[in-house]
Amino acid sequence: MIKLGICTSIENAASLAAAGFDYVELSLTNVAAMPEEDFQNLLKAKLPCQALNCMVPADLPVTGPHVDRQALSAYLEAAYARAQALGAQTVVFGSGGARQVPKGFAYKQAWQQLRGFLEMVGSSAVRHRLTIAVEPLRRQECNLLNTVAEAVCLTSLAGLPSIGVLGDTYHMAAMSEPLEALAQAGPLLCHVHMAEPHQRRYPLPGDGQDYSALFKTLRSMGYQGRVSIEGSSPD
């Protein structure tokens, strides 16, 4: 059975629980930066945090000439430990600022760095019982890894059971990638994000979008994971 959550801050957890959502998806960079007292309070939240996004902060690049693998490893070990303590099962690797390829840097080398980074995080994820969901981002937000098809290729090359693929309907729409790409990802698809595809708002009745098409696609492929709603809204 597909579980439904929302990407938001922990302050909204009680409202989400009352509305019947299954979980809240928080930002891992925010959780990692919390003072210990705040983190202990977070552990008492009324709605489980089953997934986390924003895996790597922009000041810890994973591509380019200034990659510090030791600093990345230290950050991820501490962040993953907190994710595990929260009971999270999935961590989303979007982090467009961290994987942006600097001007003048060779894309071939950046792809090699990205693959090496996934191999590094894969073993750490296993120790903390986490699955890493590689998120393609539209070109306006990152110049590397923009489609589900590219994420499937990269993840397949990594060949690690702790690394999977995320499909985000907003980024897919921006890249003119059809929902069929999710089905083509097959068992590698481990997490989904959805939003109103034009303004990245929360899906609402009467907004002119057919959200049932996403769930028909997921059910047709036997997907049993999570779908996190993300977006903004004046209400």
Protein backbone atom coordinates (compact mmCIF):
# COMPACT_ATOMS: atom_id res chain seq x y z
CA MET A 1 0.00 0.00 0.00
CA ILE A 2 1.35 3.42 -0.99
CA LYS A 3 2.03 5.75 1.94
CA LEU A 4 1.39 9.48 1.60
CA GLY A 5 3.38 12.23 3.32
CA ILE A 6 4.29 15.89 2.97
CA CYS A 7 7.65 17.64 2.73
CA THR A 8 7.42 20.31 5.41
CA SER A 9 8.77 21.37 8.78
CA ILE A 10 8.16 19.47 12.00
CA GLU A 11 5.90 22.28 13.28
CA ASN A 12 3.20 20.96 10.94
CA ALA A 13 3.45 17.33 12.07
CA ALA A 14 0.44 17.43 14.40
CA SER A 15 -1.78 18.95 11.69
CA LEU A 16 -0.65 16.34 9.17
CA ALA A 17 -1.33 13.52 11.61
CA ALA A 18 -4.82 14.87 12.24
CA ALA A 19 -5.42 15.06 8.48
CA GLY A 20 -4.50 11.40 8.09
CA PHE A 21 -1.09 11.56 6.45
CA ASP A 22 1.30 8.70 7.12
CA TYR A 23 4.54 10.60 7.68
CA VAL A 24 6.41 13.88 7.40
CA GLU A 25 9.47 14.36 5.19
CA LEU A 26 12.04 16.71 6.73
CA SER A 27 15.30 18.24 5.50
CA LEU A 28 18.35 16.20 6.50
CA THR A 29 20.63 19.24 6.39
CA ASN A 30 18.33 20.97 8.89
CA VAL A 31 18.14 17.90 11.11
CA ALA A 32 21.93 17.46 11.01
CA ALA A 33 22.47 21.09 12.04
CA MET A 34 20.10 20.98 15.03
CA PRO A 35 21.46 21.45 18.54
CA GLU A 36 21.20 18.18 20.47
CA GLU A 37 18.37 19.44 22.69
CA ASP A 38 16.26 20.34 19.65
CA PHE A 39 16.97 16.97 18.07
CA GLN A 40 15.85 15.15 21.22
CA ASN A 41 12.59 17.11 21.08
CA LEU A 42 12.22 16.16 17.43
CA LEU A 43 12.30 12.50 18.42
CA LYS A 44 9.04 13.09 20.29
CA ALA A 45 7.12 14.32 17.23
CA LYS A 46 3.55 13.06 16.82
CA LEU A 47 4.05 11.95 13.21
CA PRO A 48 6.89 9.66 12.09
CA CYS A 49 9.64 11.02 9.86
CA GLN A 50 10.00 8.19 7.36
CA ALA A 51 11.95 10.15 4.74
CA LEU A 52 14.38 13.07 4.59
CA ASN A 53 15.42 15.27 1.67
CA CYS A 54 18.20 17.83 1.04
CA MET A 55 20.88 15.27 1.86
CA VAL A 56 24.00 17.40 1.35
CA PRO A 57 24.44 21.15 1.99
CA ALA A 58 25.71 23.32 -0.85
CA ASP A 59 28.96 24.09 0.97
CA LEU A 60 29.98 20.40 0.74
CA PRO A 61 30.28 19.91 -3.05
CA VAL A 62 30.27 16.41 -4.50
CA THR A 63 31.48 17.57 -7.92
CA GLY A 64 34.12 20.03 -9.05
CA PRO A 65 37.69 20.84 -7.99
CA HIS A 66 36.96 21.35 -4.28
CA VAL A 67 35.46 17.99 -3.25
CA ASP A 68 36.50 17.04 0.29
CA ARG A 69 35.63 13.36 0.67
CA GLN A 70 36.77 13.28 4.30
CA ALA A 71 34.47 16.17 5.22
CA LEU A 72 31.61 14.62 3.24
CA SER A 73 32.10 11.27 4.96
CA ALA A 74 32.15 12.85 8.43
CA TYR A 75 29.01 14.87 7.73
CA LEU A 76 27.09 11.91 6.30
CA GLU A 77 28.00 9.58 9.16
CA ALA A 78 26.63 12.04 11.70
CA ALA A 79 23.58 12.94 9.57
CA TYR A 80 22.72 9.32 8.81
CA ALA A 81 22.97 8.45 12.50
CA ARG A 82 20.29 11.05 13.23
CA ALA A 83 18.19 9.84 10.32
CA GLN A 84 18.32 6.31 11.70
CA ALA A 85 17.43 7.51 15.20
CA LEU A 86 14.35 9.22 13.74
CA GLY A 87 13.27 5.95 12.16
CA ALA A 88 13.69 7.29 8.62
CA GLN A 89 14.07 4.70 5.90
CA THR A 90 14.75 6.89 2.85
CA VAL A 91 17.10 9.82 2.31
CA VAL A 92 16.70 11.85 -0.88
CA PHE A 93 19.82 12.95 -2.73
CA GLY A 94 18.72 16.02 -4.66
CA SER A 95 21.13 18.64 -3.31
CA GLY A 96 21.43 20.64 -6.53
CA GLY A 97 23.83 23.13 -5.00
CA ALA A 98 26.23 20.39 -3.92
CA ARG A 99 26.29 18.58 -7.26
CA GLN A 100 26.24 21.61 -9.59
CA VAL A 101 29.13 21.35 -12.06
CA PRO A 102 31.28 24.52 -11.89
CA LYS A 103 31.84 26.48 -15.09
CA GLY A 104 34.81 25.13 -17.00
CA PHE A 105 34.86 21.79 -15.15
CA ALA A 106 34.68 18.66 -17.30
CA TYR A 107 31.27 16.99 -17.22
CA LYS A 108 32.82 13.57 -17.76
CA GLN A 109 34.85 14.03 -14.60
CA ALA A 110 31.79 15.34 -12.73
CA TRP A 111 29.84 12.17 -13.67
CA GLN A 112 32.73 10.05 -12.42
CA GLN A 113 32.77 12.03 -9.16
CA LEU A 114 29.03 11.57 -8.78
CA ARG A 115 29.31 7.82 -9.29
CA GLY A 116 32.17 7.66 -6.78
CA PHE A 117 30.12 9.66 -4.28
CA LEU A 118 27.21 7.23 -4.57
CA GLU A 119 29.57 4.32 -3.99
CA MET A 120 30.85 6.08 -0.87
CA VAL A 121 27.40 6.79 0.57
CA GLY A 122 26.09 3.36 -0.34
CA SER A 123 28.12 1.55 2.30
CA SER A 124 27.31 4.17 4.93
CA ALA A 125 23.61 3.88 4.13
CA VAL A 126 23.73 0.12 4.68
CA ARG A 127 25.23 0.59 8.15
CA HIS A 128 22.40 2.96 9.06
CA ARG A 129 19.66 0.88 7.38
CA LEU A 130 18.81 3.61 4.89
CA THR A 131 17.96 3.71 1.20
CA ILE A 132 19.33 6.63 -0.80
CA ALA A 133 16.95 7.93 -3.45
CA VAL A 134 18.76 9.75 -6.27
CA GLU A 135 16.60 12.69 -7.36
CA PRO A 136 16.82 14.14 -10.88
CA LEU A 137 16.41 17.93 -10.88
CA ARG A 138 15.29 20.22 -13.68
CA ARG A 139 18.08 22.09 -15.50
CA GLN A 140 17.06 25.40 -13.92
CA GLU A 141 18.12 23.98 -10.53
CA CYS A 142 21.12 21.83 -11.46
CA ASN A 143 23.18 21.18 -14.58
CA LEU A 144 23.85 17.51 -13.82
CA LEU A 145 21.46 14.54 -13.62
CA ASN A 146 18.17 15.96 -14.89
CA THR A 147 15.95 13.00 -15.81
CA VAL A 148 14.71 9.78 -14.27
CA ALA A 149 16.30 7.91 -17.18
CA GLU A 150 19.72 9.38 -16.31
CA ALA A 151 19.24 8.49 -12.65
CA VAL A 152 18.35 4.92 -13.58
CA CYS A 153 21.52 4.66 -15.69
CA LEU A 154 23.74 6.06 -12.94
CA THR A 155 22.15 3.95 -10.23
CA SER A 156 22.42 0.82 -12.36
CA LEU A 157 26.13 1.48 -12.89
CA ALA A 158 26.62 1.90 -9.14
CA GLY A 159 24.87 -1.43 -8.63
CA LEU A 160 24.32 -0.99 -4.89
CA PRO A 161 21.19 -2.30 -3.14
CA SER A 162 21.07 0.76 -0.87
CA ILE A 163 20.84 3.18 -3.84
CA GLY A 164 17.60 3.73 -5.73
CA VAL A 165 15.85 6.35 -7.87
CA LEU A 166 13.34 9.07 -7.04
CA GLY A 167 10.76 10.34 -9.50
CA ASP A 168 9.60 13.93 -8.98
CA THR A 169 6.61 14.86 -11.11
CA TYR A 170 7.45 18.58 -11.01
CA HIS A 171 10.96 18.08 -12.36
CA MET A 172 9.70 15.47 -14.82
CA ALA A 173 7.15 17.94 -16.21
CA ALA A 174 9.83 20.63 -16.55
CA MET A 175 12.00 18.19 -18.50
CA SER A 176 9.06 16.91 -20.60
CA GLU A 177 9.66 13.41 -19.23
CA PRO A 178 6.52 11.21 -19.26
CA LEU A 179 5.19 9.24 -16.30
CA GLU A 180 6.15 6.09 -18.17
CA ALA A 181 9.73 6.81 -17.07
CA LEU A 182 8.69 5.74 -13.57
CA ALA A 183 7.50 2.37 -14.83
CA GLN A 184 10.70 2.00 -16.83
CA ALA A 185 12.70 2.53 -13.63
CA GLY A 186 11.05 -0.62 -12.31
CA PRO A 187 12.31 -1.88 -8.95
CA LEU A 188 14.91 0.90 -8.80
CA LEU A 189 12.11 3.40 -8.09
CA CYS A 190 12.18 3.76 -4.31
CA HIS A 191 10.55 7.15 -3.64
CA VAL A 192 8.29 9.70 -5.34
CA HIS A 193 7.72 13.44 -4.99
CA MET A 194 4.67 15.16 -6.46
CA ALA A 195 3.45 18.74 -6.80
CA GLU A 196 1.30 20.89 -9.05
CA PRO A 197 3.52 20.79 -12.15
CA HIS A 198 3.50 24.44 -13.21
CA GLN A 199 3.94 26.53 -10.07
CA ARG A 200 5.09 23.77 -7.70
CA ARG A 201 2.15 24.28 -5.40
CA TYR A 202 0.35 21.73 -3.29
CA PRO A 203 -2.11 19.70 -5.39
CA LEU A 204 -5.64 20.95 -4.83
CA PRO A 205 -9.07 19.94 -6.11
CA GLY A 206 -10.03 21.94 -9.16
CA ASP A 207 -6.51 23.05 -10.10
CA GLY A 208 -6.86 21.47 -13.52
CA GLN A 209 -4.37 18.62 -13.01
CA ASP A 210 -5.00 14.88 -13.30
CA TYR A 211 -3.10 13.49 -10.31
CA SER A 212 -4.79 10.12 -10.68
CA ALA A 213 -2.51 9.40 -13.65
CA LEU A 214 0.50 9.23 -11.32
CA PHE A 215 -1.15 6.73 -8.99
CA LYS A 216 -2.43 4.63 -11.88
CA THR A 217 1.14 4.41 -13.15
CA LEU A 218 2.51 3.49 -9.73
CA ARG A 219 -0.15 0.86 -9.09
CA SER A 220 0.31 -0.66 -12.53
CA MET A 221 3.99 -1.30 -11.73
CA GLY A 222 3.24 -2.65 -8.26
CA TYR A 223 4.89 0.27 -6.45
CA GLN A 224 4.45 -0.05 -2.67
CA GLY A 225 6.63 2.84 -1.48
CA ARG A 226 6.03 6.42 -0.41
CA VAL A 227 4.75 9.50 -2.22
CA SER A 228 5.67 12.84 -0.66
CA ILE A 229 3.78 15.96 -1.60
CA GLU A 230 5.90 19.09 -1.83
CA GLY A 231 5.17 22.63 -2.86
CA SER A 232 4.01 25.95 -1.58
CA SER A 233 0.64 27.54 -1.01
CA PRO A 234 -0.65 30.86 0.30
CA ASP A 235 -3.02 28.77 2.44
